[in-house]
Protein backbone atom coordinates (compact mmCIF):
# COMPACT_ATOMS: atom_id res chain seq x y z
CA UNK A 1 -47.43 -0.50 7.55
CA UNK A 2 -49.05 0.68 10.78
CA UNK A 3 -47.13 -1.95 12.72
CA UNK A 4 -43.81 -0.66 11.42
CA UNK A 5 -44.77 2.88 12.42
CA UNK A 6 -45.29 1.65 15.99
CA UNK A 7 -41.52 1.25 16.22
CA UNK A 8 -41.28 4.99 16.55
CA UNK A 9 -42.65 6.45 19.77
CA UNK A 10 -43.40 9.94 18.42
CA UNK A 11 -43.14 12.24 15.46
CA UNK A 12 -40.09 13.76 17.12
CA UNK A 13 -38.31 10.39 17.13
CA UNK A 14 -39.25 9.80 13.50
CA UNK A 15 -38.03 13.27 12.48
CA UNK A 16 -34.73 12.68 14.28
CA UNK A 17 -34.27 9.34 12.52
CA UNK A 18 -35.17 10.90 9.18
CA UNK A 19 -32.71 13.76 9.75
CA UNK A 20 -29.96 11.31 10.69
CA UNK A 21 -30.78 9.11 7.72
CA UNK A 22 -30.63 12.06 5.30
CA UNK A 23 -27.29 13.10 6.82
CA UNK A 24 -25.90 9.61 6.38
CA UNK A 25 -27.27 9.33 2.84
CA UNK A 26 -25.42 12.55 2.02
CA UNK A 27 -22.37 11.14 3.80
CA UNK A 28 -22.55 7.93 1.83
CA UNK A 29 -23.09 9.93 -1.33
CA UNK A 30 -19.81 11.70 -0.59
CA UNK A 31 -18.18 8.33 0.06
CA UNK A 32 -19.47 7.13 -3.32
CA UNK A 33 -18.54 10.18 -5.34
CA UNK A 34 -15.02 10.51 -3.88
CA UNK A 35 -13.91 6.95 -4.79
CA UNK A 36 -15.60 7.16 -8.19
CA UNK A 37 -13.52 10.26 -8.88
CA UNK A 38 -10.36 9.16 -7.08
CA UNK A 39 -10.19 5.48 -8.04
CA UNK A 40 -9.94 5.99 -11.82
CA UNK A 41 -7.46 8.83 -11.35
CA UNK A 42 -5.17 6.77 -9.13
CA UNK A 43 -5.37 3.71 -11.38
CA UNK A 44 -4.39 5.81 -14.40
CA UNK A 45 -1.71 7.99 -12.74
CA UNK A 46 -0.09 5.39 -10.47
CA UNK A 47 -0.54 2.50 -12.89
CA UNK A 48 -2.02 -0.86 -11.96
CA UNK A 49 1.14 -2.07 -10.15
CA UNK A 50 1.60 0.98 -7.91
CA UNK A 51 -2.13 1.00 -7.31
CA UNK A 52 -1.79 -2.61 -6.15
CA UNK A 53 0.92 -1.53 -3.69
CA UNK A 54 -1.32 1.30 -2.47
CA UNK A 55 -4.19 -1.16 -1.92
CA UNK A 56 -1.85 -3.49 -0.01
CA UNK A 57 -0.65 -0.66 2.25
CA UNK A 58 -4.23 0.46 2.93
CA UNK A 59 -5.25 -3.11 3.78
CA UNK A 60 -2.41 -3.40 6.31
CA UNK A 61 -3.22 0.02 7.78
CA UNK A 62 -6.85 -1.01 8.23
CA UNK A 63 -5.74 -3.42 10.96
CA UNK A 64 -4.25 -0.57 12.97
CA UNK A 65 -7.43 1.45 12.48
CA UNK A 66 -9.40 -1.51 13.84
CA UNK A 67 -7.03 -1.83 16.78
CA UNK A 68 -7.46 1.82 17.77
CA UNK A 69 -11.22 1.67 17.25
CA UNK A 70 -11.49 -1.41 19.52
CA UNK A 71 -15.17 -1.89 18.62
CA UNK A 72 -16.19 1.51 20.01
CA UNK A 73 -18.25 2.16 16.89
CA UNK A 74 -20.69 -0.27 18.52
CA UNK A 75 -20.04 -0.29 22.27
CA UNK A 76 -19.39 3.42 22.84
CA UNK A 77 -22.22 4.36 20.45
CA UNK A 78 -24.62 2.14 22.38
CA UNK A 79 -23.46 3.39 25.80
CA UNK A 80 -23.72 7.06 24.86
CA UNK A 81 -27.14 6.42 23.32
CA UNK A 82 -28.38 4.81 26.54
CA UNK A 83 -26.92 7.55 28.80
CA UNK A 84 -27.40 10.59 26.58
CA UNK A 85 -29.26 12.46 29.34
CA UNK A 86 -26.45 11.90 31.85
CA UNK A 87 -23.69 14.41 31.11
CA UNK A 88 -21.31 12.99 33.70
CA UNK A 89 -21.64 9.48 32.27
CA UNK A 90 -21.14 10.73 28.70
CA UNK A 91 -17.97 12.54 29.72
CA UNK A 92 -16.71 9.37 31.41
CA UNK A 93 -17.40 7.28 28.29
CA UNK A 94 -15.74 9.92 26.10
CA UNK A 95 -12.53 10.09 28.17
CA UNK A 96 -12.29 6.32 28.65
CA UNK A 97 -12.74 5.73 24.93
CA UNK A 98 -10.12 8.28 23.81
CA UNK A 99 -7.62 7.09 26.41
CA UNK A 100 -7.83 3.53 25.08
CA UNK A 101 -7.58 4.79 21.49
CA UNK A 102 -4.40 6.73 22.21
CA UNK A 103 -2.80 3.75 23.96
CA UNK A 104 -3.58 1.49 21.01
CA UNK A 105 -2.26 4.12 18.59
CA UNK A 106 1.10 3.91 20.38
CA UNK A 107 0.98 0.13 20.17
CA UNK A 108 0.24 0.39 16.45
CA UNK A 109 3.29 2.58 15.91
CA UNK A 110 5.48 0.06 17.74
CA UNK A 111 4.19 -2.76 15.50
CA UNK A 112 4.83 -0.71 12.35
CA UNK A 113 8.42 -0.09 13.47
CA UNK A 114 8.94 -3.85 13.91
CA UNK A 115 7.41 -4.62 10.50
CA UNK A 116 9.62 -2.10 8.71
CA UNK A 117 12.72 -3.39 10.49
CA UNK A 118 12.30 -7.10 9.88
CA UNK A 119 10.05 -7.72 6.85
CA UNK A 120 11.35 -6.91 3.37
CA UNK A 121 7.97 -6.02 1.87
CA UNK A 122 7.60 -3.29 4.51
CA UNK A 123 11.20 -2.11 4.72
CA UNK A 124 11.25 -1.38 0.97
CA UNK A 125 8.24 0.89 1.40
CA UNK A 126 8.76 2.09 4.98
CA UNK A 127 8.02 5.75 4.16
CA UNK A 128 4.59 4.80 2.80
CA UNK A 129 3.64 2.93 5.98
CA UNK A 130 4.88 5.63 8.36
CA UNK A 131 2.93 8.31 6.48
CA UNK A 132 -0.22 6.17 6.50
CA UNK A 133 0.13 5.82 10.28
CA UNK A 134 -0.93 9.46 10.49
CA UNK A 135 -4.33 8.39 9.14
CA UNK A 136 -4.60 5.96 12.07
CA UNK A 137 -4.06 8.89 14.45
CA UNK A 138 -6.62 10.99 12.58
CA UNK A 139 -9.27 8.26 12.70
CA UNK A 140 -8.57 7.68 16.40
CA UNK A 141 -9.25 11.38 17.02
CA UNK A 142 -12.47 11.36 15.01
CA UNK A 143 -15.29 10.32 17.43
CA UNK A 144 -17.88 8.83 15.09
CA UNK A 145 -19.18 6.87 18.07
CA UNK A 146 -19.88 10.08 20.02
CA UNK A 147 -21.90 11.76 17.28
CA UNK A 148 -23.77 8.54 16.47
CA UNK A 149 -24.59 8.02 20.15
CA UNK A 150 -26.12 11.48 20.56
CA UNK A 151 -27.65 11.08 17.07
CA UNK A 152 -26.03 14.19 15.58
CA UNK A 153 -25.02 12.75 12.23
CA UNK A 154 -24.67 16.19 10.61
CA UNK A 155 -21.24 16.56 12.22
CA UNK A 156 -20.05 13.27 10.73
CA UNK A 157 -21.34 14.33 7.32
CA UNK A 158 -19.66 17.75 7.41
CA UNK A 159 -16.29 16.48 8.64
CA UNK A 160 -16.24 13.56 6.24
CA UNK A 161 -17.01 15.97 3.41
CA UNK A 162 -14.13 18.18 4.56
CA UNK A 163 -11.64 15.29 4.61
CA UNK A 164 -12.70 14.19 1.12
CA UNK A 165 -12.39 17.71 -0.29
CA UNK A 166 -8.88 18.02 1.15
CA UNK A 167 -7.91 14.61 -0.22
CA UNK A 168 -9.30 15.09 -3.73
CA UNK A 169 -8.08 18.66 -4.16
CA UNK A 170 -4.50 17.95 -3.14
CA UNK A 171 -4.22 14.69 -5.07
CA UNK A 172 -5.48 16.21 -8.33
CA UNK A 173 -3.09 19.15 -8.01
CA UNK A 174 0.08 17.38 -6.89
CA UNK A 175 -0.08 13.66 -7.81
CA UNK A 176 1.06 13.22 -11.40
CA UNK A 177 3.32 10.14 -11.61
CA UNK A 178 3.66 6.63 -10.08
CA UNK A 179 6.50 8.01 -7.91
CA UNK A 180 3.97 10.24 -6.11
CA UNK A 181 2.46 7.33 -4.17
CA UNK A 182 3.83 8.72 -0.87
CA UNK A 183 2.09 12.02 -1.59
CA UNK A 184 -1.19 10.10 -1.97
CA UNK A 185 -0.60 8.61 1.47
CA UNK A 186 0.19 12.03 2.98
CA UNK A 187 -2.91 13.71 1.56
CA UNK A 188 -5.04 10.71 2.58
CA UNK A 189 -3.76 11.01 6.15
CA UNK A 190 -4.05 14.80 6.20
CA UNK A 191 -7.79 14.60 5.50
CA UNK A 192 -8.36 12.34 8.51
CA UNK A 193 -6.11 14.44 10.77
CA UNK A 194 -7.93 17.66 9.89
CA UNK A 195 -11.42 16.22 10.45
CA UNK A 196 -10.31 14.55 13.70
CA UNK A 197 -8.88 17.77 15.16
CA UNK A 198 -11.95 19.79 14.14
CA UNK A 199 -14.26 17.13 15.65
CA UNK A 200 -12.47 17.43 18.99
CA UNK A 201 -12.87 21.22 18.83
CA UNK A 202 -16.62 20.87 18.16
CA UNK A 203 -17.09 18.55 21.13
CA UNK A 204 -15.27 20.96 23.44
CA UNK A 205 -17.05 24.05 22.09
CA UNK A 206 -20.62 22.72 21.69
CA UNK A 207 -20.74 20.16 24.50
CA UNK A 208 -18.18 21.51 26.96
CA UNK A 209 -16.33 18.20 27.12
CA UNK A 210 -12.54 18.25 27.37
CA UNK A 211 -10.31 15.21 27.15
CA UNK A 212 -8.32 13.98 30.14
CA UNK A 213 -6.35 10.74 30.39
CA UNK A 214 -7.90 8.04 32.55
CA UNK A 215 -6.17 5.54 34.83
CA UNK A 216 -5.96 1.89 33.86
CA UNK A 217 -8.37 0.97 36.67
CA UNK A 218 -10.92 3.38 35.19
CA UNK A 219 -10.78 2.02 31.65
CA UNK A 220 -10.62 -1.66 32.59
CA UNK A 221 -14.39 -2.15 32.31
CA UNK A 222 -14.46 -0.58 28.83
CA UNK A 223 -11.61 -2.82 27.70
CA UNK A 224 -13.48 -5.91 28.92
CA UNK A 225 -16.78 -4.78 27.38
CA UNK A 226 -15.22 -4.08 23.99
CA UNK A 227 -13.07 -7.22 23.85
CA UNK A 228 -15.48 -9.52 22.00
CA UNK A 229 -16.55 -6.80 19.57
CA UNK A 230 -12.89 -5.93 18.93
CA UNK A 231 -11.78 -9.52 18.35
CA UNK A 232 -14.84 -10.02 16.17
CA UNK A 233 -13.90 -7.09 13.96
CA UNK A 234 -10.26 -8.20 13.76
CA UNK A 235 -11.31 -11.69 12.72
CA UNK A 236 -13.75 -10.20 10.21
CA UNK A 237 -10.76 -8.48 8.64
CA UNK A 238 -9.06 -11.87 8.38
CA UNK A 239 -11.55 -12.74 5.66
CA UNK A 240 -11.90 -9.24 4.11
CA UNK A 241 -8.88 -6.93 4.03
CA UNK A 242 -6.53 -9.85 4.72
CA UNK A 243 -7.17 -11.24 1.26
CA UNK A 244 -5.47 -8.20 -0.27
CA UNK A 245 -2.60 -8.69 2.18
CA UNK A 246 -2.29 -12.36 1.17
CA UNK A 247 -2.26 -11.36 -2.50
CA UNK A 248 0.35 -8.71 -1.73
CA UNK A 249 2.71 -11.38 -0.39
CA UNK A 250 1.88 -14.23 -2.77
CA UNK A 251 1.04 -12.53 -6.07
CA UNK A 252 2.33 -9.60 -8.11
CA UNK A 253 1.31 -5.99 -7.46
CA UNK A 254 -0.43 -6.08 -10.85
CA UNK A 255 -2.71 -8.93 -9.76
CA UNK A 256 -3.37 -7.09 -6.49
CA UNK A 257 -4.26 -4.05 -8.56
CA UNK A 258 -6.86 -5.88 -10.66
CA UNK A 259 -8.41 -7.55 -7.64
CA UNK A 260 -8.50 -4.28 -5.68
CA UNK A 261 -10.24 -2.39 -8.48
CA UNK A 262 -13.02 -5.01 -8.64
CA UNK A 263 -13.29 -5.38 -4.86
CA UNK A 264 -13.38 -1.64 -4.11
CA UNK A 265 -16.14 -1.13 -6.65
CA UNK A 266 -18.29 -3.91 -5.23
CA UNK A 267 -17.72 -2.85 -1.60
CA UNK A 268 -18.66 0.72 -2.55
CA UNK A 269 -21.92 -0.55 -4.07
CA UNK A 270 -22.65 -2.71 -1.03
CA UNK A 271 -21.94 0.33 1.13
CA UNK A 272 -25.20 1.87 -0.09
CA UNK A 273 -26.86 0.16 2.88
CA UNK A 274 -24.56 1.63 5.52
CA UNK A 275 -26.50 4.89 6.12
CA UNK A 276 -29.68 2.97 6.88
CA UNK A 277 -27.93 0.51 9.19
CA UNK A 278 -26.05 3.25 11.04
CA UNK A 279 -29.19 5.35 11.44
CA UNK A 280 -31.31 2.53 12.81
CA UNK A 281 -28.69 0.98 15.11
CA UNK A 282 -29.05 3.40 18.09
CA UNK A 283 -32.83 3.37 17.66
CA UNK A 284 -33.12 -0.43 17.59
CA UNK A 285 -30.82 -0.61 20.62
CA UNK A 286 -33.44 1.37 22.54
CA UNK A 287 -36.38 -0.54 21.04
CA UNK A 288 -34.87 -3.87 22.13
CA UNK A 289 -34.72 -2.71 25.76
CA UNK A 290 -38.45 -1.91 25.62
CA UNK A 291 -39.98 -4.48 23.26
CA UNK A 292 -38.16 -7.45 21.76
CA UNK A 293 -41.20 -8.18 19.56
CA UNK A 294 -41.00 -4.77 17.87
CA UNK A 295 -37.23 -5.17 17.55
CA UNK A 296 -37.55 -8.38 15.52
CA UNK A 297 -40.50 -7.14 13.46
CA UNK A 298 -38.62 -4.02 12.48
CA UNK A 299 -35.51 -5.98 11.52
CA UNK A 300 -37.48 -8.48 9.44
CA UNK A 301 -38.90 -5.58 7.43
CA UNK A 302 -35.36 -4.26 7.05
CA UNK A 303 -34.08 -7.66 5.84
CA UNK A 304 -36.77 -7.80 3.15
CA UNK A 305 -35.96 -4.27 1.99
CA UNK A 306 -32.25 -5.14 1.82
CA UNK A 307 -32.88 -8.16 -0.42
CA UNK A 308 -35.02 -6.27 -2.93
CA UNK A 309 -32.58 -3.37 -3.13
CA UNK A 310 -29.57 -5.70 -3.45
CA UNK A 311 -31.29 -7.57 -6.29
CA UNK A 312 -31.81 -4.32 -8.17
CA UNK A 313 -28.18 -3.21 -7.66
CA UNK A 314 -26.82 -6.62 -8.66
CA UNK A 315 -28.82 -6.58 -11.89
CA UNK A 316 -27.74 -3.06 -12.82
CA UNK A 317 -23.98 -3.54 -12.24
CA UNK A 318 -23.93 -6.81 -14.21
CA UNK A 319 -25.82 -5.28 -17.13
CA UNK A 320 -23.39 -2.36 -17.32
CA UNK A 321 -20.21 -4.12 -16.19
CA UNK A 322 -17.96 -3.08 -19.09
CA UNK A 323 -19.14 0.53 -18.99
CA UNK A 324 -18.53 0.76 -15.22
CA UNK A 325 -15.02 -0.71 -15.44
CA UNK A 326 -14.18 1.44 -18.49
CA UNK A 327 -15.14 4.50 -16.46
CA UNK A 328 -12.83 3.45 -13.64
CA UNK A 329 -9.75 2.22 -15.52
CA UNK A 330 -9.93 4.42 -18.60
CA UNK A 331 -9.61 1.44 -20.94
CA UNK A 332 -11.72 -1.48 -22.07
CA UNK A 333 -11.57 -4.08 -19.28
CA UNK A 334 -9.81 -7.35 -20.07
CA UNK A 335 -11.46 -10.72 -19.45
CA UNK A 336 -9.52 -11.25 -16.22
CA UNK A 337 -10.83 -8.08 -14.59
CA UNK A 338 -14.36 -8.79 -15.84
CA UNK A 339 -14.33 -12.30 -14.32
CA UNK A 340 -13.15 -10.93 -10.97
CA UNK A 341 -15.83 -8.26 -11.03
CA UNK A 342 -18.63 -10.74 -11.89
CA UNK A 343 -17.65 -13.09 -9.08
CA UNK A 344 -17.38 -10.34 -6.48
CA UNK A 345 -20.73 -8.74 -7.37
CA UNK A 346 -22.36 -11.62 -5.48
CA UNK A 347 -21.14 -9.87 -2.32
CA UNK A 348 -23.78 -7.19 -2.92
CA UNK A 349 -26.33 -9.65 -1.47
CA UNK A 350 -24.13 -10.61 1.48
CA UNK A 351 -22.44 -7.40 2.64
CA UNK A 352 -25.53 -5.63 4.06
CA UNK A 353 -26.79 -8.70 5.95
CA UNK A 354 -23.44 -9.04 7.66
CA UNK A 355 -23.80 -5.48 8.93
CA UNK A 356 -27.43 -5.85 9.99
CA UNK A 357 -27.01 -9.18 11.80
CA UNK A 358 -23.82 -7.99 13.53
CA UNK A 359 -25.67 -5.01 14.99
CA UNK A 360 -28.57 -7.22 16.02
CA UNK A 361 -26.36 -9.72 17.84
CA UNK A 362 -24.52 -6.94 19.66
CA UNK A 363 -27.82 -5.36 20.68
CA UNK A 364 -28.99 -8.78 21.91
CA UNK A 365 -25.76 -8.93 23.97
CA UNK A 366 -24.47 -11.93 22.04
CA UNK A 367 -21.05 -10.50 21.21
CA UNK A 368 -19.39 -13.71 22.41
CA UNK A 369 -21.44 -15.80 19.96
CA UNK A 370 -20.70 -13.30 17.20
CA UNK A 371 -17.03 -13.63 17.99
CA UNK A 372 -17.14 -17.43 17.58
CA UNK A 373 -18.98 -17.19 14.26
CA UNK A 374 -16.47 -14.85 12.67
CA UNK A 375 -13.51 -16.65 14.25
CA UNK A 376 -14.52 -19.83 12.42
CA UNK A 377 -14.85 -17.82 9.20
CA UNK A 378 -11.41 -16.29 9.76
CA UNK A 379 -9.82 -19.70 10.38
CA UNK A 380 -11.40 -21.11 7.20
CA UNK A 381 -10.34 -18.10 5.14
CA UNK A 382 -6.80 -17.94 6.53
CA UNK A 383 -6.33 -21.68 5.90
CA UNK A 384 -7.69 -21.66 2.35
CA UNK A 385 -6.45 -18.29 1.06
CA UNK A 386 -2.85 -19.37 0.31
CA UNK A 387 -4.13 -22.51 -1.42
CA UNK A 388 -6.69 -20.53 -3.44
CA UNK A 389 -4.02 -18.04 -4.54
CA UNK A 390 -1.53 -20.80 -5.42
CA UNK A 391 -3.95 -22.64 -7.72
CA UNK A 392 -6.32 -19.92 -8.95
CA UNK A 393 -4.63 -16.57 -8.16
CA UNK A 394 -7.04 -13.66 -7.57
CA UNK A 395 -10.05 -15.61 -8.90
CA UNK A 396 -9.56 -18.15 -6.13
CA UNK A 397 -9.59 -15.38 -3.52
CA UNK A 398 -12.71 -13.88 -5.11
CA UNK A 399 -14.64 -17.17 -4.87
CA UNK A 400 -13.35 -17.73 -1.34
CA UNK A 401 -14.61 -14.26 -0.37
CA UNK A 402 -18.09 -15.11 -1.69
CA UNK A 403 -18.09 -18.46 0.11
CA UNK A 404 -17.13 -16.87 3.43
CA UNK A 405 -19.75 -14.17 2.93
CA UNK A 406 -22.43 -16.86 2.44
CA UNK A 407 -21.35 -18.68 5.60
CA UNK A 408 -21.41 -15.48 7.65
CA UNK A 409 -24.85 -14.34 6.44
CA UNK A 410 -26.48 -17.77 6.89
CA UNK A 411 -25.05 -18.54 10.34
CA UNK A 412 -25.66 -15.05 11.74
CA UNK A 413 -29.17 -15.05 10.31
CA UNK A 414 -29.85 -18.44 11.92
CA UNK A 415 -28.91 -17.23 15.39
CA UNK A 416 -30.75 -13.94 14.93
CA UNK A 417 -34.09 -15.19 13.64
CA UNK A 418 -34.24 -18.92 14.42
CA UNK A 419 -32.38 -19.38 17.71
CA UNK A 420 -32.91 -16.00 19.32
């Protein structure tokens, strides 16, 4: 126990980590409560088919969110954490990051226009995709990376709470029929836009930092630095969100709906580890620069804690599977939904390790290796997904998701702990 305490230089550091952790636990609590309230409402009001379309649209939109983020959740967070005492450097990082985000937001809009012009699945629902683009803009404006870097998680918690309150309030008041799916998209986007605009106001008011566009020559280094993290995250999505996209093209909206209900529940449960990982990431980045031995000791303790907690969560959700799904869907779950849920609960063991090992490899400056690992996973998933859907429908995708998760956790873990 004493050895783990050595990771923290002073009581002040420990208090800051504890404060950030509490903020992120509250944040994650909000992220749990909101879906638990919203998911059953949307499934019942929209119906399983329209909910499947909504899940498909969100999965597609997630690629544009990733494009505009460009891996800054990791690179910009780390850079601001390392230069937090240098105001000029922080302002440079801030302006470079937002400039790149705005440029990629414009690129995203251009891609959406092409999709709605030439692909039937998109042209039939073009209004839905254009409205959801506003959420891409809102998330580009919201500088999670800035607040994480200066370790002021309370801002993230407050603004996330605000966006969820806006979303839930408006949906419960105005969304009443399956035809209101575009309203769901508008309220979803409005929450992100509001929190993004307020976040920019806070940064200007509290930190005296105003945004100004940077020249291409000034952002070139940030583009190069973020490339491997960006391509890694895109390829990660080729074996996560892409499976819903594949189902959207190759199966019915009803099948997509069943799969999405099970997947969203399991991902929400696995997300219980996110506050801890986000809190410790900036700290471990600093620890690694001082003592690699303490870095690995601390992460081994974290890995053990993750396993024990995941085991407990896995046991609970499988014991109360029917009750959980009944709460979400409003009706006794059929065997098909139960099978999907049981298969996907295995991800509870894999999801947190993916997040931990990713952060470790980035801290160890092995983003290129990380990129290769997930690229192989993406190639495997993209090659097998159509086959799995053709022969086994959503169950095939569920097993493929578990298989890819195992590969990712084992290979990343090998390079983190064995070949470091």
